[in-house]
PDB file of N, CA and C in Angstrom:
ATOM      1  N   UNK A   1     111.294  95.754 112.514  1.00  0.00           N
ATOM      2  CA  UNK A   1     112.487  95.141 111.941  1.00  0.00           C
ATOM      3  C   UNK A   1     112.274  94.963 110.445  1.00  0.00           C
ATOM      4  N   UNK A   2     113.211  95.394 109.652  1.00  0.00           N
ATOM      5  CA  UNK A   2     113.077  95.233 108.213  1.00  0.00           C
ATOM      6  C   UNK A   2     113.748  93.929 107.770  1.00  0.00           C
ATOM      7  N   UNK A   3     113.421  93.525 106.578  1.00  0.00           N
ATOM      8  CA  UNK A   3     113.937  92.263 106.039  1.00  0.00           C
ATOM      9  C   UNK A   3     115.357  92.433 105.507  1.00  0.00           C
ATOM     10  N   UNK A   4     116.129  91.356 105.588  1.00  0.00           N
ATOM     11  CA  UNK A   4     117.499  91.353 105.091  1.00  0.00           C
ATOM     12  C   UNK A   4     117.518  91.137 103.579  1.00  0.00           C
ATOM     13  N   UNK A   5     118.408  91.833 102.905  1.00  0.00           N
ATOM     14  CA  UNK A   5     118.551  91.667 101.455  1.00  0.00           C
ATOM     15  C   UNK A   5     118.926  90.227 101.112  1.00  0.00           C
ATOM     16  N   UNK A   6     119.737  89.588 101.936  1.00  0.00           N
ATOM     17  CA  UNK A   6     120.133  88.202 101.653  1.00  0.00           C
ATOM     18  C   UNK A   6     118.934  87.255 101.729  1.00  0.00           C
ATOM     19  N   UNK A   7     117.990  87.549 102.610  1.00  0.00           N
ATOM     20  CA  UNK A   7     116.800  86.705 102.729  1.00  0.00           C
ATOM     21  C   UNK A   7     115.904  86.843 101.492  1.00  0.00           C
ATOM     22  N   UNK A   8     115.707  88.052 101.023  1.00  0.00           N
ATOM     23  CA  UNK A   8     114.880  88.260  99.823  1.00  0.00           C
ATOM     24  C   UNK A   8     115.553  87.619  98.614  1.00  0.00           C
ATOM     25  N   UNK A   9     116.869  87.706  98.522  1.00  0.00           N
ATOM     26  CA  UNK A   9     117.573  87.086  97.409  1.00  0.00           C
ATOM     27  C   UNK A   9     117.445  85.564  97.448  1.00  0.00           C
ATOM     28  N   UNK A  10     117.448  84.975  98.638  1.00  0.00           N
ATOM     29  CA  UNK A  10     117.228  83.532  98.776  1.00  0.00           C
ATOM     30  C   UNK A  10     115.839  83.156  98.265  1.00  0.00           C
ATOM     31  N   UNK A  11     114.819  83.898  98.674  1.00  0.00           N
ATOM     32  CA  UNK A  11     113.444  83.598  98.249  1.00  0.00           C
ATOM     33  C   UNK A  11     113.320  83.743  96.739  1.00  0.00           C
ATOM     34  N   UNK A  12     113.846  84.822  96.191  1.00  0.00           N
ATOM     35  CA  UNK A  12     113.771  85.050  94.741  1.00  0.00           C
ATOM     36  C   UNK A  12     114.478  83.927  93.994  1.00  0.00           C
ATOM     37  N   UNK A  13     115.606  83.466  94.497  1.00  0.00           N
ATOM     38  CA  UNK A  13     116.314  82.344  93.873  1.00  0.00           C
ATOM     39  C   UNK A  13     115.462  81.071  93.919  1.00  0.00           C
ATOM     40  N   UNK A  14     114.753  80.864  95.009  1.00  0.00           N
ATOM     41  CA  UNK A  14     113.911  79.670  95.159  1.00  0.00           C
ATOM     42  C   UNK A  14     112.788  79.622  94.124  1.00  0.00           C
ATOM     43  N   UNK A  15     112.266  80.785  93.699  1.00  0.00           N
ATOM     44  CA  UNK A  15     111.070  80.821  92.842  1.00  0.00           C
ATOM     45  C   UNK A  15     111.362  81.253  91.407  1.00  0.00           C
ATOM     46  N   UNK A  16     112.616  81.246  90.993  1.00  0.00           N
ATOM     47  CA  UNK A  16     112.988  81.702  89.650  1.00  0.00           C
ATOM     48  C   UNK A  16     112.216  80.998  88.533  1.00  0.00           C
ATOM     49  N   UNK A  17     111.811  79.761  88.739  1.00  0.00           N
ATOM     50  CA  UNK A  17     111.124  79.014  87.690  1.00  0.00           C
ATOM     51  C   UNK A  17     109.661  79.365  87.512  1.00  0.00           C
ATOM     52  N   UNK A  18     109.120  80.270  88.321  1.00  0.00           N
ATOM     53  CA  UNK A  18     107.694  80.597  88.251  1.00  0.00           C
ATOM     54  C   UNK A  18     107.360  81.582  87.134  1.00  0.00           C
ATOM     55  N   UNK A  19     108.325  82.294  86.648  1.00  0.00           N
ATOM     56  CA  UNK A  19     108.096  83.315  85.624  1.00  0.00           C
ATOM     57  C   UNK A  19     109.144  84.398  85.775  1.00  0.00           C
ATOM     58  N   UNK A  20     108.840  85.597  85.288  1.00  0.00           N
ATOM     59  CA  UNK A  20     109.746  86.727  85.427  1.00  0.00           C
ATOM     60  C   UNK A  20     109.610  87.251  86.858  1.00  0.00           C
ATOM     61  N   UNK A  21     110.596  86.962  87.698  1.00  0.00           N
ATOM     62  CA  UNK A  21     110.559  87.323  89.110  1.00  0.00           C
ATOM     63  C   UNK A  21     111.396  88.576  89.339  1.00  0.00           C
ATOM     64  N   UNK A  22     110.772  89.578  89.930  1.00  0.00           N
ATOM     65  CA  UNK A  22     111.459  90.797  90.321  1.00  0.00           C
ATOM     66  C   UNK A  22     111.011  91.148  91.733  1.00  0.00           C
ATOM     67  N   UNK A  23     111.732  92.083  92.348  1.00  0.00           N
ATOM     68  CA  UNK A  23     111.312  92.529  93.671  1.00  0.00           C
ATOM     69  C   UNK A  23     111.643  93.998  93.829  1.00  0.00           C
ATOM     70  N   UNK A  24     110.950  94.606  94.775  1.00  0.00           N
ATOM     71  CA  UNK A  24     111.118  96.031  94.997  1.00  0.00           C
ATOM     72  C   UNK A  24     111.069  96.315  96.493  1.00  0.00           C
ATOM     73  N   UNK A  25     112.003  97.109  96.963  1.00  0.00           N
ATOM     74  CA  UNK A  25     112.027  97.481  98.376  1.00  0.00           C
ATOM     75  C   UNK A  25     110.995  98.579  98.605  1.00  0.00           C
ATOM     76  N   UNK A  26     110.183  98.380  99.633  1.00  0.00           N
ATOM     77  CA  UNK A  26     109.148  99.346  99.960  1.00  0.00           C
ATOM     78  C   UNK A  26     109.067  99.485 101.471  1.00  0.00           C
ATOM     79  N   UNK A  27     109.379 100.656 101.990  1.00  0.00           N
ATOM     80  CA  UNK A  27     109.275 100.939 103.418  1.00  0.00           C
ATOM     81  C   UNK A  27     110.081  99.963 104.269  1.00  0.00           C
ATOM     82  N   UNK A  28     111.234  99.546 103.800  1.00  0.00           N
ATOM     83  CA  UNK A  28     112.088  98.631 104.541  1.00  0.00           C
ATOM     84  C   UNK A  28     111.740  97.170 104.345  1.00  0.00           C
ATOM     85  N   UNK A  29     110.668  96.881 103.644  1.00  0.00           N
ATOM     86  CA  UNK A  29     110.248  95.512 103.351  1.00  0.00           C
ATOM     87  C   UNK A  29     110.257  95.342 101.828  1.00  0.00           C
ATOM     88  N   UNK A  30     109.778  94.196 101.345  1.00  0.00           N
ATOM     89  CA  UNK A  30     109.867  93.915  99.915  1.00  0.00           C
ATOM     90  C   UNK A  30     108.560  93.390  99.339  1.00  0.00           C
ATOM     91  N   UNK A  31     108.286  93.789  98.101  1.00  0.00           N
ATOM     92  CA  UNK A  31     107.199  93.209  97.310  1.00  0.00           C
ATOM     93  C   UNK A  31     107.848  92.331  96.249  1.00  0.00           C
ATOM     94  N   UNK A  32     107.294  91.129  96.048  1.00  0.00           N
ATOM     95  CA  UNK A  32     107.795  90.208  95.021  1.00  0.00           C
ATOM     96  C   UNK A  32     106.793  90.171  93.886  1.00  0.00           C
ATOM     97  N   UNK A  33     107.297  90.335  92.675  1.00  0.00           N
ATOM     98  CA  UNK A  33     106.473  90.346  91.471  1.00  0.00           C
ATOM     99  C   UNK A  33     106.753  89.099  90.647  1.00  0.00           C
ATOM    100  N   UNK A  34     105.705  88.555  90.059  1.00  0.00           N
ATOM    101  CA  UNK A  34     105.835  87.477  89.082  1.00  0.00           C
ATOM    102  C   UNK A  34     105.088  87.937  87.844  1.00  0.00           C
ATOM    103  N   UNK A  35     105.797  88.122  86.761  1.00  0.00           N
ATOM    104  CA  UNK A  35     105.203  88.600  85.503  1.00  0.00           C
ATOM    105  C   UNK A  35     104.407  89.884  85.727  1.00  0.00           C
ATOM    106  N   UNK A  36     104.993  90.840  86.409  1.00  0.00           N
ATOM    107  CA  UNK A  36     104.469  92.181  86.716  1.00  0.00           C
ATOM    108  C   UNK A  36     103.345  92.207  87.756  1.00  0.00           C
ATOM    109  N   UNK A  37     102.993  91.078  88.323  1.00  0.00           N
ATOM    110  CA  UNK A  37     101.931  91.021  89.338  1.00  0.00           C
ATOM    111  C   UNK A  37     102.558  90.855  90.718  1.00  0.00           C
ATOM    112  N   UNK A  38     102.087  91.633  91.693  1.00  0.00           N
ATOM    113  CA  UNK A  38     102.574  91.454  93.064  1.00  0.00           C
ATOM    114  C   UNK A  38     101.957  90.167  93.589  1.00  0.00           C
ATOM    115  N   UNK A  39     102.795  89.189  93.875  1.00  0.00           N
ATOM    116  CA  UNK A  39     102.316  87.886  94.351  1.00  0.00           C
ATOM    117  C   UNK A  39     102.611  87.651  95.818  1.00  0.00           C
ATOM    118  N   UNK A  40     103.586  88.395  96.369  1.00  0.00           N
ATOM    119  CA  UNK A  40     103.984  88.133  97.749  1.00  0.00           C
ATOM    120  C   UNK A  40     104.670  89.352  98.342  1.00  0.00           C
ATOM    121  N   UNK A  41     104.729  89.352  99.660  1.00  0.00           N
ATOM    122  CA  UNK A  41     105.461  90.358 100.412  1.00  0.00           C
ATOM    123  C   UNK A  41     106.431  89.651 101.345  1.00  0.00           C
ATOM    124  N   UNK A  42     107.560  90.259 101.579  1.00  0.00           N
ATOM    125  CA  UNK A  42     108.503  89.754 102.576  1.00  0.00           C
ATOM    126  C   UNK A  42     108.596  90.842 103.637  1.00  0.00           C
ATOM    127  N   UNK A  43     108.113  90.519 104.824  1.00  0.00           N
ATOM    128  CA  UNK A  43     108.104  91.448 105.951  1.00  0.00           C
ATOM    129  C   UNK A  43     108.707  90.750 107.156  1.00  0.00           C
ATOM    130  N   UNK A  44     109.626  91.413 107.822  1.00  0.00           N
ATOM    131  CA  UNK A  44     110.307  90.836 108.978  1.00  0.00           C
ATOM    132  C   UNK A  44     110.891  89.459 108.657  1.00  0.00           C
ATOM    133  N   UNK A  45     111.461  89.345 107.461  1.00  0.00           N
ATOM    134  CA  UNK A  45     112.070  88.088 106.993  1.00  0.00           C
ATOM    135  C   UNK A  45     111.087  86.919 106.957  1.00  0.00           C
ATOM    136  N   UNK A  46     109.818  87.209 106.729  1.00  0.00           N
ATOM    137  CA  UNK A  46     108.802  86.171 106.564  1.00  0.00           C
ATOM    138  C   UNK A  46     108.146  86.364 105.209  1.00  0.00           C
ATOM    139  N   UNK A  47     107.788  85.250 104.558  1.00  0.00           N
ATOM    140  CA  UNK A  47     107.159  85.291 103.238  1.00  0.00           C
ATOM    141  C   UNK A  47     105.650  85.200 103.378  1.00  0.00           C
ATOM    142  N   UNK A  48     104.961  86.200 102.822  1.00  0.00           N
ATOM    143  CA  UNK A  48     103.504  86.262 102.819  1.00  0.00           C
ATOM    144  C   UNK A  48     103.039  86.258 101.367  1.00  0.00           C
ATOM    145  N   UNK A  49     102.357  85.192 100.951  1.00  0.00           N
ATOM    146  CA  UNK A  49     101.876  85.061  99.576  1.00  0.00           C
ATOM    147  C   UNK A  49     100.419  85.493  99.539  1.00  0.00           C
ATOM    148  N   UNK A  50     100.060  86.238  98.497  1.00  0.00           N
ATOM    149  CA  UNK A  50      98.680  86.708  98.365  1.00  0.00           C
ATOM    150  C   UNK A  50      97.709  85.537  98.354  1.00  0.00           C
ATOM    151  N   UNK A  51      96.573  85.755  98.965  1.00  0.00           N
ATOM    152  CA  UNK A  51      95.555  84.719  99.064  1.00  0.00           C
ATOM    153  C   UNK A  51      94.790  84.599  97.745  1.00  0.00           C
ATOM    154  N   UNK A  52      94.705  83.368  97.223  1.00  0.00           N
ATOM    155  CA  UNK A  52      93.906  83.058  96.039  1.00  0.00           C
ATOM    156  C   UNK A  52      93.217  81.717  96.272  1.00  0.00           C
ATOM    157  N   UNK A  53      92.167  81.456  95.506  1.00  0.00           N
ATOM    158  CA  UNK A  53      91.469  80.169  95.629  1.00  0.00           C
ATOM    159  C   UNK A  53      92.369  79.014  95.201  1.00  0.00           C
ATOM    160  N   UNK A  54      93.119  79.211  94.120  1.00  0.00           N
ATOM    161  CA  UNK A  54      94.026  78.160  93.646  1.00  0.00           C
ATOM    162  C   UNK A  54      95.125  77.895  94.674  1.00  0.00           C
ATOM    163  N   UNK A  55      95.638  78.943  95.289  1.00  0.00           N
ATOM    164  CA  UNK A  55      96.649  78.777  96.321  1.00  0.00           C
ATOM    165  C   UNK A  55      96.094  78.051  97.528  1.00  0.00           C
ATOM    166  N   UNK A  56      94.864  78.372  97.886  1.00  0.00           N
ATOM    167  CA  UNK A  56      94.212  77.712  99.016  1.00  0.00           C
ATOM    168  C   UNK A  56      94.048  76.221  98.757  1.00  0.00           C
ATOM    169  N   UNK A  57      93.710  75.877  97.519  1.00  0.00           N
ATOM    170  CA  UNK A  57      93.552  74.462  97.162  1.00  0.00           C
ATOM    171  C   UNK A  57      94.903  73.742  97.144  1.00  0.00           C
ATOM    172  N   UNK A  58      95.962  74.448  96.832  1.00  0.00           N
ATOM    173  CA  UNK A  58      97.292  73.856  96.713  1.00  0.00           C
ATOM    174  C   UNK A  58      97.956  73.616  98.073  1.00  0.00           C
ATOM    175  N   UNK A  59      97.768  74.559  98.991  1.00  0.00           N
ATOM    176  CA  UNK A  59      98.425  74.469 100.301  1.00  0.00           C
ATOM    177  C   UNK A  59      97.648  73.512 101.192  1.00  0.00           C
ATOM    178  N   UNK A  60      98.338  72.561 101.800  1.00  0.00           N
ATOM    179  CA  UNK A  60      97.669  71.575 102.662  1.00  0.00           C
ATOM    180  C   UNK A  60      97.313  72.163 104.019  1.00  0.00           C
ATOM    181  N   UNK A  61      98.274  72.663 104.732  1.00  0.00           N
ATOM    182  CA  UNK A  61      98.032  73.246 106.055  1.00  0.00           C
ATOM    183  C   UNK A  61      98.214  74.755 105.958  1.00  0.00           C
ATOM    184  N   UNK A  62      97.098  75.454 105.830  1.00  0.00           N
ATOM    185  CA  UNK A  62      97.145  76.895 105.603  1.00  0.00           C
ATOM    186  C   UNK A  62      97.382  77.635 106.915  1.00  0.00           C
ATOM    187  N   UNK A  63      98.363  78.521 106.879  1.00  0.00           N
ATOM    188  CA  UNK A  63      98.650  79.407 107.997  1.00  0.00           C
ATOM    189  C   UNK A  63      98.485  80.820 107.457  1.00  0.00           C
ATOM    190  N   UNK A  64      97.508  81.553 107.979  1.00  0.00           N
ATOM    191  CA  UNK A  64      97.216  82.902 107.501  1.00  0.00           C
ATOM    192  C   UNK A  64      97.689  83.930 108.528  1.00  0.00           C
ATOM    193  N   UNK A  65      98.182  85.052 108.020  1.00  0.00           N
ATOM    194  CA  UNK A  65      98.589  86.157 108.891  1.00  0.00           C
ATOM    195  C   UNK A  65      98.708  87.422 108.036  1.00  0.00           C
ATOM    196  N   UNK A  66      98.474  88.575 108.628  1.00  0.00           N
ATOM    197  CA  UNK A  66      98.709  89.819 107.877  1.00  0.00           C
ATOM    198  C   UNK A  66     100.203  90.141 107.861  1.00  0.00           C
ATOM    199  N   UNK A  67     100.730  90.605 106.743  1.00  0.00           N
ATOM    200  CA  UNK A  67     102.160  90.920 106.676  1.00  0.00           C
ATOM    201  C   UNK A  67     102.539  92.140 107.516  1.00  0.00           C
ATOM    202  N   UNK A  68     101.583  93.026 107.743  1.00  0.00           N
ATOM    203  CA  UNK A  68     101.810  94.214 108.567  1.00  0.00           C
ATOM    204  C   UNK A  68     100.464  94.627 109.165  1.00  0.00           C
ATOM    205  N   UNK A  69     100.452  95.386 110.226  1.00  0.00           N
ATOM    206  CA  UNK A  69      99.186  95.763 110.872  1.00  0.00           C
ATOM    207  C   UNK A  69      98.234  96.459 109.898  1.00  0.00           C
ATOM    208  N   UNK A  70      97.004  95.994 109.879  1.00  0.00           N
ATOM    209  CA  UNK A  70      95.985  96.573 109.008  1.00  0.00           C
ATOM    210  C   UNK A  70      95.893  95.932 107.629  1.00  0.00           C
ATOM    211  N   UNK A  71      96.801  95.032 107.302  1.00  0.00           N
ATOM    212  CA  UNK A  71      96.795  94.377 105.988  1.00  0.00           C
ATOM    213  C   UNK A  71      95.834  93.197 105.982  1.00  0.00           C
ATOM    214  N   UNK A  72      95.379  92.824 104.779  1.00  0.00           N
ATOM    215  CA  UNK A  72      94.573  91.615 104.625  1.00  0.00           C
ATOM    216  C   UNK A  72      95.446  90.399 104.914  1.00  0.00           C
ATOM    217  N   UNK A  73      94.848  89.337 105.435  1.00  0.00           N
ATOM    218  CA  UNK A  73      95.639  88.123 105.685  1.00  0.00           C
ATOM    219  C   UNK A  73      96.199  87.546 104.384  1.00  0.00           C
ATOM    220  N   UNK A  74      97.400  87.040 104.460  1.00  0.00           N
ATOM    221  CA  UNK A  74      98.090  86.365 103.372  1.00  0.00           C
ATOM    222  C   UNK A  74      98.455  84.968 103.852  1.00  0.00           C
ATOM    223  N   UNK A  75      98.859  84.109 102.906  1.00  0.00           N
ATOM    224  CA  UNK A  75      99.391  82.803 103.277  1.00  0.00           C
ATOM    225  C   UNK A  75     100.788  83.030 103.851  1.00  0.00           C
ATOM    226  N   UNK A  76     101.018  82.617 105.078  1.00  0.00           N
ATOM    227  CA  UNK A  76     102.339  82.717 105.684  1.00  0.00           C
ATOM    228  C   UNK A  76     103.082  81.420 105.393  1.00  0.00           C
ATOM    229  N   UNK A  77     104.176  81.526 104.661  1.00  0.00           N
ATOM    230  CA  UNK A  77     104.946  80.351 104.245  1.00  0.00           C
ATOM    231  C   UNK A  77     106.156  80.223 105.164  1.00  0.00           C
ATOM    232  N   UNK A  78     106.233  79.095 105.848  1.00  0.00           N
ATOM    233  CA  UNK A  78     107.333  78.899 106.785  1.00  0.00           C
ATOM    234  C   UNK A  78     108.141  77.656 106.418  1.00  0.00           C
ATOM    235  N   UNK A  79     107.649  76.469 106.738  1.00  0.00           N
ATOM    236  CA  UNK A  79     108.411  75.236 106.505  1.00  0.00           C
ATOM    237  C   UNK A  79     108.701  74.993 105.025  1.00  0.00           C
ATOM    238  N   UNK A  80     107.783  75.355 104.151  1.00  0.00           N
ATOM    239  CA  UNK A  80     107.937  75.060 102.722  1.00  0.00           C
ATOM    240  C   UNK A  80     108.896  76.018 102.011  1.00  0.00           C
ATOM    241  N   UNK A  81     109.456  76.964 102.732  1.00  0.00           N
ATOM    242  CA  UNK A  81     110.374  77.933 102.134  1.00  0.00           C
ATOM    243  C   UNK A  81     111.589  77.256 101.506  1.00  0.00           C
ATOM    244  N   UNK A  82     111.992  76.124 102.050  1.00  0.00           N
ATOM    245  CA  UNK A  82     113.159  75.389 101.552  1.00  0.00           C
ATOM    246  C   UNK A  82     112.822  74.490 100.355  1.00  0.00           C
ATOM    247  N   UNK A  83     111.528  74.262 100.104  1.00  0.00           N
ATOM    248  CA  UNK A  83     111.090  73.366  99.028  1.00  0.00           C
ATOM    249  C   UNK A  83     110.892  74.172  97.741  1.00  0.00           C
ATOM    250  N   UNK A  84     111.945  74.247  96.943  1.00  0.00           N
ATOM    251  CA  UNK A  84     111.945  75.066  95.728  1.00  0.00           C
ATOM    252  C   UNK A  84     110.789  74.727  94.778  1.00  0.00           C
ATOM    253  N   UNK A  85     110.565  73.441  94.509  1.00  0.00           N
ATOM    254  CA  UNK A  85     109.515  73.046  93.559  1.00  0.00           C
ATOM    255  C   UNK A  85     108.134  73.423  94.078  1.00  0.00           C
ATOM    256  N   UNK A  86     107.874  73.164  95.342  1.00  0.00           N
ATOM    257  CA  UNK A  86     106.571  73.472  95.937  1.00  0.00           C
ATOM    258  C   UNK A  86     106.318  74.979  95.920  1.00  0.00           C
ATOM    259  N   UNK A  87     107.312  75.739  96.315  1.00  0.00           N
ATOM    260  CA  UNK A  87     107.179  77.191  96.393  1.00  0.00           C
ATOM    261  C   UNK A  87     107.028  77.808  95.001  1.00  0.00           C
ATOM    262  N   UNK A  88     107.787  77.316  94.047  1.00  0.00           N
ATOM    263  CA  UNK A  88     107.680  77.805  92.667  1.00  0.00           C
ATOM    264  C   UNK A  88     106.275  77.569  92.126  1.00  0.00           C
ATOM    265  N   UNK A  89     105.726  76.399  92.383  1.00  0.00           N
ATOM    266  CA  UNK A  89     104.368  76.091  91.917  1.00  0.00           C
ATOM    267  C   UNK A  89     103.343  77.003  92.575  1.00  0.00           C
ATOM    268  N   UNK A  90     103.484  77.257  93.863  1.00  0.00           N
ATOM    269  CA  UNK A  90     102.554  78.158  94.558  1.00  0.00           C
ATOM    270  C   UNK A  90     102.595  79.554  93.952  1.00  0.00           C
ATOM    271  N   UNK A  91     103.773  80.061  93.686  1.00  0.00           N
ATOM    272  CA  UNK A  91     103.897  81.399  93.092  1.00  0.00           C
ATOM    273  C   UNK A  91     103.309  81.408  91.680  1.00  0.00           C
ATOM    274  N   UNK A  92     103.554  80.351  90.925  1.00  0.00           N
ATOM    275  CA  UNK A  92     103.038  80.258  89.558  1.00  0.00           C
ATOM    276  C   UNK A  92     101.507  80.268  89.541  1.00  0.00           C
ATOM    277  N   UNK A  93     100.876  79.455  90.384  1.00  0.00           N
ATOM    278  CA  UNK A  93      99.401  79.399  90.375  1.00  0.00           C
ATOM    279  C   UNK A  93      98.797  80.659  90.983  1.00  0.00           C
ATOM    280  N   UNK A  94      99.514  81.286  91.887  1.00  0.00           N
ATOM    281  CA  UNK A  94      99.038  82.562  92.440  1.00  0.00           C
ATOM    282  C   UNK A  94      99.049  83.631  91.358  1.00  0.00           C
ATOM    283  N   UNK A  95     100.132  83.724  90.615  1.00  0.00           N
ATOM    284  CA  UNK A  95     100.247  84.719  89.543  1.00  0.00           C
ATOM    285  C   UNK A  95      99.199  84.503  88.458  1.00  0.00           C
ATOM    286  N   UNK A  96      98.916  83.247  88.149  1.00  0.00           N
ATOM    287  CA  UNK A  96      97.920  82.960  87.113  1.00  0.00           C
ATOM    288  C   UNK A  96      96.541  83.464  87.507  1.00  0.00           C
ATOM    289  N   UNK A  97      96.214  83.420  88.789  1.00  0.00           N
ATOM    290  CA  UNK A  97      94.878  83.826  89.234  1.00  0.00           C
ATOM    291  C   UNK A  97      94.744  85.337  89.440  1.00  0.00           C
ATOM    292  N   UNK A  98      95.819  86.003  89.735  1.00  0.00           N
ATOM    293  CA  UNK A  98      95.753  87.442  90.000  1.00  0.00           C
ATOM    294  C   UNK A  98      95.627  88.241  88.706  1.00  0.00           C
ATOM    295  N   UNK A  99      94.899  89.367  88.756  1.00  0.00           N
ATOM    296  CA  UNK A  99      94.787  90.209  87.559  1.00  0.00           C
ATOM    297  C   UNK A  99      96.066  91.006  87.335  1.00  0.00           C
ATOM    298  N   UNK A 100      96.267  91.430  86.092  1.00  0.00           N
ATOM    299  CA  UNK A 100      97.393  92.302  85.789  1.00  0.00           C
ATOM    300  C   UNK A 100      97.115  93.668  86.413  1.00  0.00           C
ATOM    301  N   UNK A 101      98.159  94.387  86.811  1.00  0.00           N
ATOM    302  CA  UNK A 101      97.935  95.723  87.380  1.00  0.00           C
ATOM    303  C   UNK A 101      97.349  96.656  86.331  1.00  0.00           C
ATOM    304  N   UNK A 102      96.540  97.579  86.803  1.00  0.00           N
ATOM    305  CA  UNK A 102      95.948  98.557  85.884  1.00  0.00           C
ATOM    306  C   UNK A 102      97.038  99.509  85.413  1.00  0.00           C
ATOM    307  N   UNK A 103      96.964  99.904  84.132  1.00  0.00           N
ATOM    308  CA  UNK A 103      97.983 100.844  83.635  1.00  0.00           C
ATOM    309  C   UNK A 103      97.900 102.167  84.399  1.00  0.00           C
ATOM    310  N   UNK A 104      99.053 102.724  84.671  1.00  0.00           N
ATOM    311  CA  UNK A 104      99.086 104.005  85.376  1.00  0.00           C
ATOM    312  C   UNK A 104      98.759 105.123  84.398  1.00  0.00           C
ATOM    313  N   UNK A 105      97.994 106.096  84.893  1.00  0.00           N
ATOM    314  CA  UNK A 105      97.661 107.260  84.072  1.00  0.00           C
ATOM    315  C   UNK A 105      98.893 108.156  84.002  1.00  0.00           C
ATOM    316  N   UNK A 106      99.109 108.761  82.838  1.00  0.00           N
ATOM    317  CA  UNK A 106     100.254 109.675  82.749  1.00  0.00           C
ATOM    318  C   UNK A 106     100.031 110.883  83.647  1.00  0.00           C
ATOM    319  N   UNK A 107     101.104 111.335  84.250  1.00  0.00           N
ATOM    320  CA  UNK A 107     101.011 112.503  85.114  1.00  0.00           C
ATOM    321  C   UNK A 107     100.820 113.766  84.270  1.00  0.00           C
ATOM    322  N   UNK A 108      99.970 114.615  84.758  1.00  0.00           N
ATOM    323  CA  UNK A 108      99.810 115.899  84.092  1.00  0.00           C
ATOM    324  C   UNK A 108     100.544 116.939  84.926  1.00  0.00           C
ATOM    325  N   UNK A 109     101.230 117.838  84.262  1.00  0.00           N
ATOM    326  CA  UNK A 109     101.967 118.855  85.023  1.00  0.00           C
ATOM    327  C   UNK A 109     101.002 119.750  85.801  1.00  0.00           C
ATOM    328  N   UNK A 110     101.406 120.083  87.007  1.00  0.00           N
ATOM    329  CA  UNK A 110     100.584 120.988  87.827  1.00  0.00           C
ATOM    330  C   UNK A 110     100.771 122.414  87.323  1.00  0.00           C
ATOM    331  N   UNK A 111      99.652 123.138  87.314  1.00  0.00           N
ATOM    332  CA  UNK A 111      99.709 124.532  86.909  1.00  0.00           C
ATOM    333  C   UNK A 111      99.714 125.401  88.131  1.00  0.00           C
ATOM    334  N   UNK A 112     100.516 126.406  88.103  1.00  0.00           N
ATOM    335  CA  UNK A 112     100.562 127.353  89.210  1.00  0.00           C
ATOM    336  C   UNK A 112      99.767 128.600  88.856  1.00  0.00           C
ATOM    337  N   UNK A 113      99.118 129.109  89.851  1.00  0.00           N
ATOM    338  CA  UNK A 113      98.318 130.320  89.618  1.00  0.00           C
ATOM    339  C   UNK A 113      99.146 131.569  89.781  1.00  0.00           C
TER     340      UNK A 113
END
């Protein structure tokens, strides 16, 4: 089951104060970016925030789960989804701890023989 666009828009609206928030649809699910860093995934209409030490210290009752089979466990956010201030702070401290993505190498044209 893929996530609903209305659900991702609700989550993005909840965390607008964390920084520059964008999202991208990937394989029927969504990646959420904060200041160009992937901080969370939305899979099956559930929010999975990347695991960080600061996030672990911030969350009181940690619920971990992989967003999809074979993925590393993430923080599964359920009850706190409605708490805009709490969720914004979690995304902000998660983004601060994560590294910036590595610059992509320019593509070189393929040569045909």
